[in-house]
Amino acid sequence: MKEPENSGWTENTILDFAYYAWKETQDTKKEPTMVAVLWVQGKGAYGGSSPRGKVGTNFVQDLMDMWLPAKAKVRWKVAKDREKVGNTSTKWHAEDMAMYMYEREERPLGDKYPLNSYMAVYGQYHNRDRAEVKAPCGGYETGAKVYPSCTYVLSKLGIHSAR
């Protein structure tokens, strides 16, 4: 979503966007889902979520393998060699989808995102987990990991996060 001029958006606004986007995923079928919202000040807020179900997950993962090198080149430079580690089922996460959405729309150049870029992640990893603000790639708490991690990628791109 494009940021209106003089929007007054703050980091709390982006946290709210992440929460309400997650809430929308829970209206029809309540499943553990992660939602990430990337805010690039003056540009907009770009969201991504974790795919659901085995077929959907595999399909989206294959698409991300194709899309990221072509459409998210700044982000791709940092994590092109991403690998799954531990018990994670996915290589690409909601955070990656949010960054892809931004790069697809804005086509940034250079090695970093614009100053003051910010990401909020909200959701739950599994049914027994509490839905709340999470650290990027925070699934490490459950043994699900990727390398390089979302935290590392965000750091290299100059994006700070809610946790």
N, C-alpha and C. Protein backbone atom coordinates (compact mmCIF):
# COMPACT_ATOMS: atom_id res chain seq x y z
N MET A 1 0.85 -1.15 0.00
CA MET A 1 0.00 0.00 0.00
C MET A 1 0.90 1.23 0.00
N LYS A 2 0.62 2.16 -0.89
CA LYS A 2 1.40 3.39 -0.98
C LYS A 2 1.15 4.25 0.26
N GLU A 3 2.21 4.89 0.72
CA GLU A 3 2.07 5.77 1.88
C GLU A 3 1.57 7.13 1.41
N PRO A 4 0.45 7.59 1.97
CA PRO A 4 -0.04 8.91 1.60
C PRO A 4 0.93 10.00 2.06
N GLU A 5 0.96 11.10 1.36
CA GLU A 5 1.80 12.23 1.76
C GLU A 5 1.36 12.69 3.14
N ASN A 6 2.33 13.01 4.00
CA ASN A 6 2.05 13.45 5.37
C ASN A 6 1.17 12.44 6.12
N SER A 7 1.50 11.18 5.98
CA SER A 7 0.65 10.10 6.53
C SER A 7 0.62 10.08 8.05
N GLY A 8 1.69 10.49 8.66
CA GLY A 8 1.76 10.37 10.11
C GLY A 8 2.02 8.95 10.58
N TRP A 9 2.35 8.05 9.64
CA TRP A 9 2.65 6.67 10.02
C TRP A 9 3.84 6.64 10.97
N THR A 10 3.77 5.72 11.92
CA THR A 10 4.86 5.47 12.85
C THR A 10 5.13 3.97 12.87
N GLU A 11 6.12 3.57 13.64
CA GLU A 11 6.38 2.14 13.79
C GLU A 11 5.16 1.44 14.40
N ASN A 12 4.45 2.12 15.29
CA ASN A 12 3.23 1.52 15.87
C ASN A 12 2.16 1.31 14.81
N THR A 13 2.08 2.20 13.83
CA THR A 13 1.14 2.03 12.73
C THR A 13 1.46 0.74 11.98
N ILE A 14 2.73 0.49 11.75
CA ILE A 14 3.15 -0.70 11.01
C ILE A 14 2.89 -1.95 11.83
N LEU A 15 3.10 -1.88 13.15
CA LEU A 15 2.75 -3.01 14.02
C LEU A 15 1.25 -3.30 13.91
N ASP A 16 0.44 -2.25 13.89
CA ASP A 16 -1.01 -2.43 13.73
C ASP A 16 -1.33 -3.07 12.39
N PHE A 17 -0.67 -2.62 11.32
CA PHE A 17 -0.89 -3.22 10.00
C PHE A 17 -0.60 -4.72 10.05
N ALA A 18 0.51 -5.09 10.69
CA ALA A 18 0.89 -6.51 10.76
C ALA A 18 -0.16 -7.30 11.55
N TYR A 19 -0.60 -6.74 12.68
CA TYR A 19 -1.62 -7.42 13.49
C TYR A 19 -2.91 -7.61 12.70
N TYR A 20 -3.40 -6.55 12.08
CA TYR A 20 -4.68 -6.66 11.35
C TYR A 20 -4.56 -7.54 10.12
N ALA A 21 -3.42 -7.55 9.48
CA ALA A 21 -3.22 -8.47 8.35
C ALA A 21 -3.25 -9.91 8.85
N TRP A 22 -2.59 -10.18 9.99
CA TRP A 22 -2.62 -11.52 10.56
C TRP A 22 -4.06 -11.89 10.93
N LYS A 23 -4.78 -10.95 11.54
CA LYS A 23 -6.17 -11.20 11.95
C LYS A 23 -7.02 -11.60 10.75
N GLU A 24 -6.79 -10.97 9.60
CA GLU A 24 -7.52 -11.33 8.37
C GLU A 24 -7.27 -12.79 7.98
N THR A 25 -6.08 -13.30 8.23
CA THR A 25 -5.78 -14.69 7.88
C THR A 25 -6.54 -15.66 8.79
N GLN A 26 -7.00 -15.18 9.92
CA GLN A 26 -7.66 -16.04 10.89
C GLN A 26 -9.18 -16.06 10.74
N ASP A 27 -9.72 -15.28 9.83
CA ASP A 27 -11.18 -15.19 9.68
C ASP A 27 -11.82 -16.46 9.13
N THR A 28 -11.14 -17.14 8.22
CA THR A 28 -11.76 -18.31 7.60
C THR A 28 -11.24 -19.62 8.18
N LYS A 29 -9.96 -19.75 8.27
CA LYS A 29 -9.38 -21.00 8.78
C LYS A 29 -8.23 -20.65 9.72
N LYS A 30 -8.45 -20.87 10.98
CA LYS A 30 -7.45 -20.49 11.97
C LYS A 30 -6.27 -21.47 11.93
N GLU A 31 -5.19 -21.03 11.31
CA GLU A 31 -3.96 -21.82 11.24
C GLU A 31 -2.81 -20.93 11.67
N PRO A 32 -1.78 -21.54 12.24
CA PRO A 32 -0.59 -20.75 12.56
C PRO A 32 -0.06 -20.07 11.29
N THR A 33 0.09 -18.79 11.35
CA THR A 33 0.53 -18.01 10.19
C THR A 33 1.40 -16.86 10.68
N MET A 34 2.39 -16.52 9.89
CA MET A 34 3.23 -15.35 10.17
C MET A 34 2.96 -14.31 9.10
N VAL A 35 2.91 -13.05 9.52
CA VAL A 35 2.73 -11.92 8.60
C VAL A 35 3.86 -10.93 8.86
N ALA A 36 4.48 -10.45 7.81
CA ALA A 36 5.52 -9.43 7.92
C ALA A 36 5.09 -8.22 7.12
N VAL A 37 5.32 -7.04 7.68
CA VAL A 37 5.04 -5.79 6.97
C VAL A 37 6.32 -4.95 6.99
N LEU A 38 6.79 -4.60 5.81
CA LEU A 38 7.96 -3.75 5.63
C LEU A 38 7.48 -2.34 5.32
N TRP A 39 7.97 -1.38 6.09
CA TRP A 39 7.64 0.03 5.86
C TRP A 39 8.87 0.73 5.33
N VAL A 40 8.77 1.28 4.16
CA VAL A 40 9.81 2.12 3.60
C VAL A 40 9.23 3.53 3.58
N GLN A 41 9.73 4.37 4.50
CA GLN A 41 9.14 5.69 4.69
C GLN A 41 9.08 6.48 3.39
N GLY A 42 7.92 7.07 3.16
CA GLY A 42 7.70 7.87 1.97
C GLY A 42 7.31 7.04 0.75
N LYS A 43 7.43 5.72 0.86
CA LYS A 43 7.07 4.82 -0.25
C LYS A 43 5.80 4.06 0.06
N GLY A 44 5.83 3.28 1.16
CA GLY A 44 4.65 2.51 1.50
C GLY A 44 4.94 1.37 2.45
N ALA A 45 3.91 0.57 2.66
CA ALA A 45 3.99 -0.63 3.50
C ALA A 45 3.74 -1.83 2.59
N TYR A 46 4.59 -2.83 2.72
CA TYR A 46 4.57 -4.00 1.84
C TYR A 46 4.47 -5.24 2.71
N GLY A 47 3.46 -6.06 2.47
CA GLY A 47 3.21 -7.21 3.33
C GLY A 47 3.49 -8.53 2.67
N GLY A 48 3.76 -9.51 3.51
CA GLY A 48 3.93 -10.88 3.07
C GLY A 48 3.50 -11.80 4.19
N SER A 49 3.09 -13.01 3.83
CA SER A 49 2.70 -13.98 4.86
C SER A 49 3.30 -15.33 4.52
N SER A 50 3.31 -16.18 5.53
CA SER A 50 3.77 -17.54 5.30
C SER A 50 2.64 -18.29 4.59
N PRO A 51 2.98 -19.10 3.59
CA PRO A 51 1.94 -19.86 2.89
C PRO A 51 1.37 -20.94 3.78
N ARG A 52 0.18 -21.43 3.43
CA ARG A 52 -0.49 -22.46 4.22
C ARG A 52 -0.60 -23.75 3.43
N GLY A 53 -0.56 -24.84 4.14
CA GLY A 53 -0.75 -26.15 3.52
C GLY A 53 0.47 -26.59 2.72
N LYS A 54 0.65 -27.88 2.60
CA LYS A 54 1.83 -28.42 1.93
C LYS A 54 1.90 -28.02 0.46
N VAL A 55 0.80 -28.14 -0.27
CA VAL A 55 0.80 -27.79 -1.69
C VAL A 55 1.09 -26.31 -1.86
N GLY A 56 0.38 -25.46 -1.11
CA GLY A 56 0.60 -24.02 -1.20
C GLY A 56 2.01 -23.63 -0.83
N THR A 57 2.52 -24.25 0.22
CA THR A 57 3.88 -23.94 0.67
C THR A 57 4.89 -24.30 -0.40
N ASN A 58 4.81 -25.50 -0.93
CA ASN A 58 5.77 -25.92 -1.96
C ASN A 58 5.68 -25.04 -3.20
N PHE A 59 4.47 -24.71 -3.61
CA PHE A 59 4.27 -23.87 -4.79
C PHE A 59 4.89 -22.49 -4.59
N VAL A 60 4.60 -21.87 -3.45
CA VAL A 60 5.14 -20.53 -3.18
C VAL A 60 6.66 -20.57 -3.06
N GLN A 61 7.19 -21.61 -2.44
CA GLN A 61 8.65 -21.72 -2.32
C GLN A 61 9.30 -21.79 -3.70
N ASP A 62 8.71 -22.57 -4.61
CA ASP A 62 9.24 -22.66 -5.97
C ASP A 62 9.15 -21.31 -6.69
N LEU A 63 8.03 -20.62 -6.51
CA LEU A 63 7.89 -19.30 -7.12
C LEU A 63 8.93 -18.32 -6.58
N MET A 64 9.15 -18.36 -5.28
CA MET A 64 10.14 -17.45 -4.68
C MET A 64 11.54 -17.74 -5.22
N ASP A 65 11.85 -19.00 -5.45
CA ASP A 65 13.15 -19.34 -6.06
C ASP A 65 13.31 -18.66 -7.41
N MET A 66 12.22 -18.51 -8.15
CA MET A 66 12.27 -17.85 -9.46
C MET A 66 12.19 -16.33 -9.34
N TRP A 67 11.31 -15.84 -8.49
CA TRP A 67 11.05 -14.41 -8.41
C TRP A 67 12.18 -13.62 -7.78
N LEU A 68 12.74 -14.12 -6.68
CA LEU A 68 13.71 -13.32 -5.94
C LEU A 68 14.92 -12.89 -6.77
N PRO A 69 15.56 -13.79 -7.53
CA PRO A 69 16.73 -13.34 -8.30
C PRO A 69 16.37 -12.30 -9.37
N ALA A 70 15.18 -12.38 -9.91
CA ALA A 70 14.80 -11.48 -11.00
C ALA A 70 14.17 -10.17 -10.51
N LYS A 71 13.41 -10.24 -9.43
CA LYS A 71 12.61 -9.08 -9.03
C LYS A 71 13.00 -8.47 -7.69
N ALA A 72 13.87 -9.12 -6.94
CA ALA A 72 14.30 -8.59 -5.64
C ALA A 72 15.82 -8.65 -5.56
N LYS A 73 16.45 -7.96 -6.47
CA LYS A 73 17.90 -8.09 -6.65
C LYS A 73 18.72 -7.60 -5.47
N VAL A 74 18.28 -6.53 -4.80
CA VAL A 74 19.03 -6.03 -3.65
C VAL A 74 19.00 -7.08 -2.54
N ARG A 75 17.82 -7.60 -2.24
CA ARG A 75 17.67 -8.62 -1.22
C ARG A 75 18.37 -9.91 -1.63
N TRP A 76 18.31 -10.27 -2.90
CA TRP A 76 18.90 -11.51 -3.39
C TRP A 76 20.41 -11.54 -3.17
N LYS A 77 21.08 -10.40 -3.33
CA LYS A 77 22.54 -10.34 -3.14
C LYS A 77 22.94 -10.83 -1.75
N VAL A 78 22.09 -10.57 -0.77
CA VAL A 78 22.41 -10.88 0.62
C VAL A 78 22.09 -12.33 0.98
N ALA A 79 21.09 -12.93 0.35
CA ALA A 79 20.64 -14.26 0.80
C ALA A 79 20.44 -15.24 -0.34
N LYS A 80 21.19 -15.10 -1.40
CA LYS A 80 21.00 -16.01 -2.55
C LYS A 80 21.35 -17.45 -2.22
N ASP A 81 22.19 -17.66 -1.21
CA ASP A 81 22.60 -19.01 -0.84
C ASP A 81 21.83 -19.55 0.36
N ARG A 82 20.63 -19.04 0.59
CA ARG A 82 19.84 -19.44 1.75
C ARG A 82 19.62 -20.94 1.78
N GLU A 83 19.73 -21.51 2.98
CA GLU A 83 19.50 -22.94 3.21
C GLU A 83 18.60 -23.12 4.42
N LYS A 84 17.82 -24.19 4.40
CA LYS A 84 17.02 -24.56 5.56
C LYS A 84 17.93 -25.27 6.56
N VAL A 85 17.71 -24.99 7.84
CA VAL A 85 18.47 -25.63 8.91
C VAL A 85 17.47 -26.06 9.97
N GLY A 86 17.67 -27.20 10.57
CA GLY A 86 16.76 -27.65 11.61
C GLY A 86 15.46 -28.17 11.04
N ASN A 87 14.36 -27.94 11.77
CA ASN A 87 13.09 -28.55 11.37
C ASN A 87 12.17 -27.61 10.59
N THR A 88 12.73 -26.58 9.99
CA THR A 88 11.88 -25.67 9.21
C THR A 88 11.42 -26.34 7.92
N SER A 89 10.22 -26.00 7.49
CA SER A 89 9.71 -26.57 6.25
C SER A 89 9.90 -25.62 5.07
N THR A 90 10.31 -24.39 5.35
CA THR A 90 10.41 -23.40 4.28
C THR A 90 11.75 -22.67 4.29
N LYS A 91 12.21 -22.38 3.11
CA LYS A 91 13.44 -21.60 2.94
C LYS A 91 13.13 -20.11 2.92
N TRP A 92 12.00 -19.75 2.36
CA TRP A 92 11.60 -18.34 2.25
C TRP A 92 10.44 -18.08 3.20
N HIS A 93 10.50 -16.96 3.89
CA HIS A 93 9.55 -16.65 4.95
C HIS A 93 8.71 -15.42 4.59
N ALA A 94 7.79 -15.08 5.49
CA ALA A 94 6.94 -13.90 5.31
C ALA A 94 7.80 -12.65 5.11
N GLU A 95 8.92 -12.58 5.83
CA GLU A 95 9.81 -11.43 5.71
C GLU A 95 10.35 -11.30 4.28
N ASP A 96 10.70 -12.43 3.69
CA ASP A 96 11.21 -12.43 2.31
C ASP A 96 10.14 -11.98 1.33
N MET A 97 8.91 -12.41 1.56
CA MET A 97 7.81 -12.01 0.68
C MET A 97 7.56 -10.50 0.79
N ALA A 98 7.62 -9.94 2.00
CA ALA A 98 7.42 -8.50 2.16
C ALA A 98 8.51 -7.72 1.42
N MET A 99 9.76 -8.18 1.52
CA MET A 99 10.86 -7.51 0.80
C MET A 99 10.68 -7.66 -0.71
N TYR A 100 10.24 -8.82 -1.14
CA TYR A 100 9.98 -9.03 -2.57
C TYR A 100 8.91 -8.04 -3.05
N MET A 101 7.83 -7.88 -2.29
CA MET A 101 6.75 -6.99 -2.70
C MET A 101 7.26 -5.55 -2.84
N TYR A 102 8.11 -5.12 -1.91
CA TYR A 102 8.69 -3.78 -2.01
C TYR A 102 9.55 -3.65 -3.27
N GLU A 103 10.46 -4.58 -3.46
CA GLU A 103 11.38 -4.47 -4.60
C GLU A 103 10.64 -4.60 -5.94
N ARG A 104 9.62 -5.40 -5.98
CA ARG A 104 8.84 -5.54 -7.21
C ARG A 104 8.20 -4.21 -7.61
N GLU A 105 7.74 -3.47 -6.60
CA GLU A 105 7.06 -2.19 -6.86
C GLU A 105 8.03 -1.04 -7.09
N GLU A 106 9.08 -0.95 -6.30
CA GLU A 106 9.93 0.24 -6.29
C GLU A 106 11.26 0.09 -7.02
N ARG A 107 11.70 -1.14 -7.25
CA ARG A 107 12.97 -1.40 -7.95
C ARG A 107 14.14 -0.59 -7.39
N PRO A 108 14.47 -0.79 -6.11
CA PRO A 108 15.57 -0.02 -5.52
C PRO A 108 16.92 -0.41 -6.11
N LEU A 109 17.85 0.50 -5.99
CA LEU A 109 19.22 0.26 -6.46
C LEU A 109 20.15 0.27 -5.25
N GLY A 110 21.38 -0.15 -5.44
CA GLY A 110 22.36 -0.12 -4.36
C GLY A 110 22.37 -1.39 -3.55
N ASP A 111 22.92 -1.28 -2.35
CA ASP A 111 23.09 -2.45 -1.49
C ASP A 111 22.23 -2.42 -0.24
N LYS A 112 21.52 -1.32 -0.01
CA LYS A 112 20.70 -1.19 1.20
C LYS A 112 19.35 -0.60 0.83
N TYR A 113 18.41 -0.82 1.74
CA TYR A 113 17.10 -0.20 1.60
C TYR A 113 17.20 1.24 2.12
N PRO A 114 16.22 2.09 1.80
CA PRO A 114 16.27 3.47 2.27
C PRO A 114 16.36 3.56 3.80
N LEU A 115 16.97 4.64 4.25
CA LEU A 115 17.14 4.91 5.67
C LEU A 115 15.80 4.82 6.40
N ASN A 116 15.82 4.29 7.60
CA ASN A 116 14.65 4.15 8.47
C ASN A 116 13.63 3.12 7.99
N SER A 117 14.03 2.22 7.11
CA SER A 117 13.12 1.12 6.75
C SER A 117 12.90 0.26 7.99
N TYR A 118 11.70 -0.26 8.13
CA TYR A 118 11.29 -0.92 9.37
C TYR A 118 10.40 -2.12 9.04
N MET A 119 10.59 -3.21 9.77
CA MET A 119 9.76 -4.39 9.57
C MET A 119 9.13 -4.85 10.88
N ALA A 120 7.84 -5.16 10.79
CA ALA A 120 7.11 -5.74 11.91
C ALA A 120 6.64 -7.13 11.49
N VAL A 121 6.78 -8.09 12.40
CA VAL A 121 6.35 -9.47 12.15
C VAL A 121 5.37 -9.85 13.25
N TYR A 122 4.23 -10.42 12.86
CA TYR A 122 3.21 -10.80 13.82
C TYR A 122 2.65 -12.17 13.45
N GLY A 123 2.35 -12.97 14.46
CA GLY A 123 1.71 -14.25 14.19
C GLY A 123 2.07 -15.30 15.20
N GLN A 124 1.91 -16.55 14.77
CA GLN A 124 2.22 -17.69 15.62
C GLN A 124 2.83 -18.80 14.77
N TYR A 125 3.77 -19.53 15.39
CA TYR A 125 4.49 -20.59 14.68
C TYR A 125 3.72 -21.90 14.65
N HIS A 126 2.98 -22.18 15.70
CA HIS A 126 2.24 -23.43 15.80
C HIS A 126 1.01 -23.19 16.68
N ASN A 127 0.13 -24.15 16.76
CA ASN A 127 -1.14 -23.97 17.48
C ASN A 127 -0.98 -23.66 18.95
N ARG A 128 0.07 -24.13 19.58
CA ARG A 128 0.27 -23.89 21.00
C ARG A 128 1.00 -22.57 21.27
N ASP A 129 1.43 -21.91 20.22
CA ASP A 129 2.17 -20.66 20.34
C ASP A 129 1.19 -19.49 20.46
N ARG A 130 1.60 -18.49 21.18
CA ARG A 130 0.79 -17.28 21.33
C ARG A 130 1.01 -16.36 20.13
N ALA A 131 -0.06 -15.86 19.54
CA ALA A 131 0.05 -14.88 18.46
C ALA A 131 0.49 -13.56 19.06
N GLU A 132 1.60 -13.03 18.55
CA GLU A 132 2.16 -11.78 19.07
C GLU A 132 3.23 -11.26 18.12
N VAL A 133 3.77 -10.10 18.43
CA VAL A 133 4.90 -9.56 17.66
C VAL A 133 6.07 -10.51 17.85
N LYS A 134 6.72 -10.87 16.76
CA LYS A 134 7.84 -11.81 16.79
C LYS A 134 9.10 -11.16 16.21
N ALA A 135 10.22 -11.75 16.53
CA ALA A 135 11.48 -11.35 15.89
C ALA A 135 11.49 -11.90 14.47
N PRO A 136 12.14 -11.20 13.54
CA PRO A 136 12.25 -11.75 12.18
C PRO A 136 12.88 -13.13 12.21
N CYS A 137 12.31 -14.05 11.46
CA CYS A 137 12.78 -15.45 11.46
C CYS A 137 12.82 -16.00 12.88
N GLY A 138 11.91 -15.54 13.70
CA GLY A 138 11.93 -15.91 15.10
C GLY A 138 11.64 -17.36 15.38
N GLY A 139 11.36 -18.15 14.35
CA GLY A 139 11.10 -19.57 14.54
C GLY A 139 12.27 -20.32 15.12
N TYR A 140 13.41 -19.65 15.26
CA TYR A 140 14.57 -20.31 15.87
C TYR A 140 14.22 -20.84 17.24
N GLU A 141 13.24 -20.22 17.89
CA GLU A 141 12.82 -20.67 19.21
C GLU A 141 12.22 -22.07 19.15
N THR A 142 11.70 -22.45 17.99
CA THR A 142 11.07 -23.76 17.83
C THR A 142 11.97 -24.72 17.07
N GLY A 143 13.19 -24.31 16.77
CA GLY A 143 14.12 -25.17 16.04
C GLY A 143 14.10 -24.97 14.54
N ALA A 144 13.23 -24.09 14.05
CA ALA A 144 13.15 -23.81 12.61
C ALA A 144 14.10 -22.68 12.28
N LYS A 145 15.03 -22.94 11.38
CA LYS A 145 16.03 -21.92 11.07
C LYS A 145 16.32 -21.90 9.58
N VAL A 146 16.82 -20.76 9.14
CA VAL A 146 17.38 -20.64 7.80
C VAL A 146 18.71 -19.91 7.94
N TYR A 147 19.59 -20.16 6.99
CA TYR A 147 20.87 -19.47 6.98
C TYR A 147 21.14 -18.97 5.57
N PRO A 148 21.44 -17.70 5.40
CA PRO A 148 21.46 -16.65 6.41
C PRO A 148 20.04 -16.32 6.91
N SER A 149 19.99 -15.94 8.17
CA SER A 149 18.70 -15.69 8.82
C SER A 149 18.07 -14.38 8.33
N CYS A 150 16.79 -14.24 8.60
CA CYS A 150 16.10 -12.99 8.26
C CYS A 150 16.72 -11.82 9.03
N THR A 151 17.08 -12.05 10.28
CA THR A 151 17.70 -10.99 11.08
C THR A 151 18.98 -10.50 10.43
N TYR A 152 19.79 -11.43 9.95
CA TYR A 152 21.04 -11.07 9.26
C TYR A 152 20.73 -10.30 7.98
N VAL A 153 19.78 -10.78 7.19
CA VAL A 153 19.42 -10.13 5.93
C VAL A 153 18.93 -8.71 6.20
N LEU A 154 18.03 -8.55 7.17
CA LEU A 154 17.53 -7.22 7.50
C LEU A 154 18.66 -6.29 7.92
N SER A 155 19.55 -6.80 8.74
CA SER A 155 20.69 -6.00 9.20
C SER A 155 21.55 -5.53 8.02
N LYS A 156 21.86 -6.44 7.12
CA LYS A 156 22.69 -6.10 5.95
C LYS A 156 22.00 -5.08 5.05
N LEU A 157 20.68 -5.12 5.01
CA LEU A 157 19.93 -4.19 4.15
C LEU A 157 19.59 -2.88 4.85
N GLY A 158 19.93 -2.77 6.14
CA GLY A 158 19.66 -1.54 6.88
C GLY A 158 18.23 -1.41 7.37
N ILE A 159 17.55 -2.53 7.54
CA ILE A 159 16.16 -2.53 8.01
C ILE A 159 16.17 -2.85 9.50
N HIS A 160 15.51 -2.03 10.31
CA HIS A 160 15.39 -2.38 11.72
C HIS A 160 14.00 -2.98 11.96
N SER A 161 13.87 -3.69 13.08
CA SER A 161 12.63 -4.43 13.30
C SER A 161 12.08 -4.21 14.70
N ALA A 162 10.84 -4.67 14.87
CA ALA A 162 10.11 -4.47 16.13
C ALA A 162 10.75 -5.22 17.30
N ARG A 163 11.44 -6.33 17.02
CA ARG A 163 12.06 -7.10 18.11
C ARG A 163 13.46 -7.46 17.73
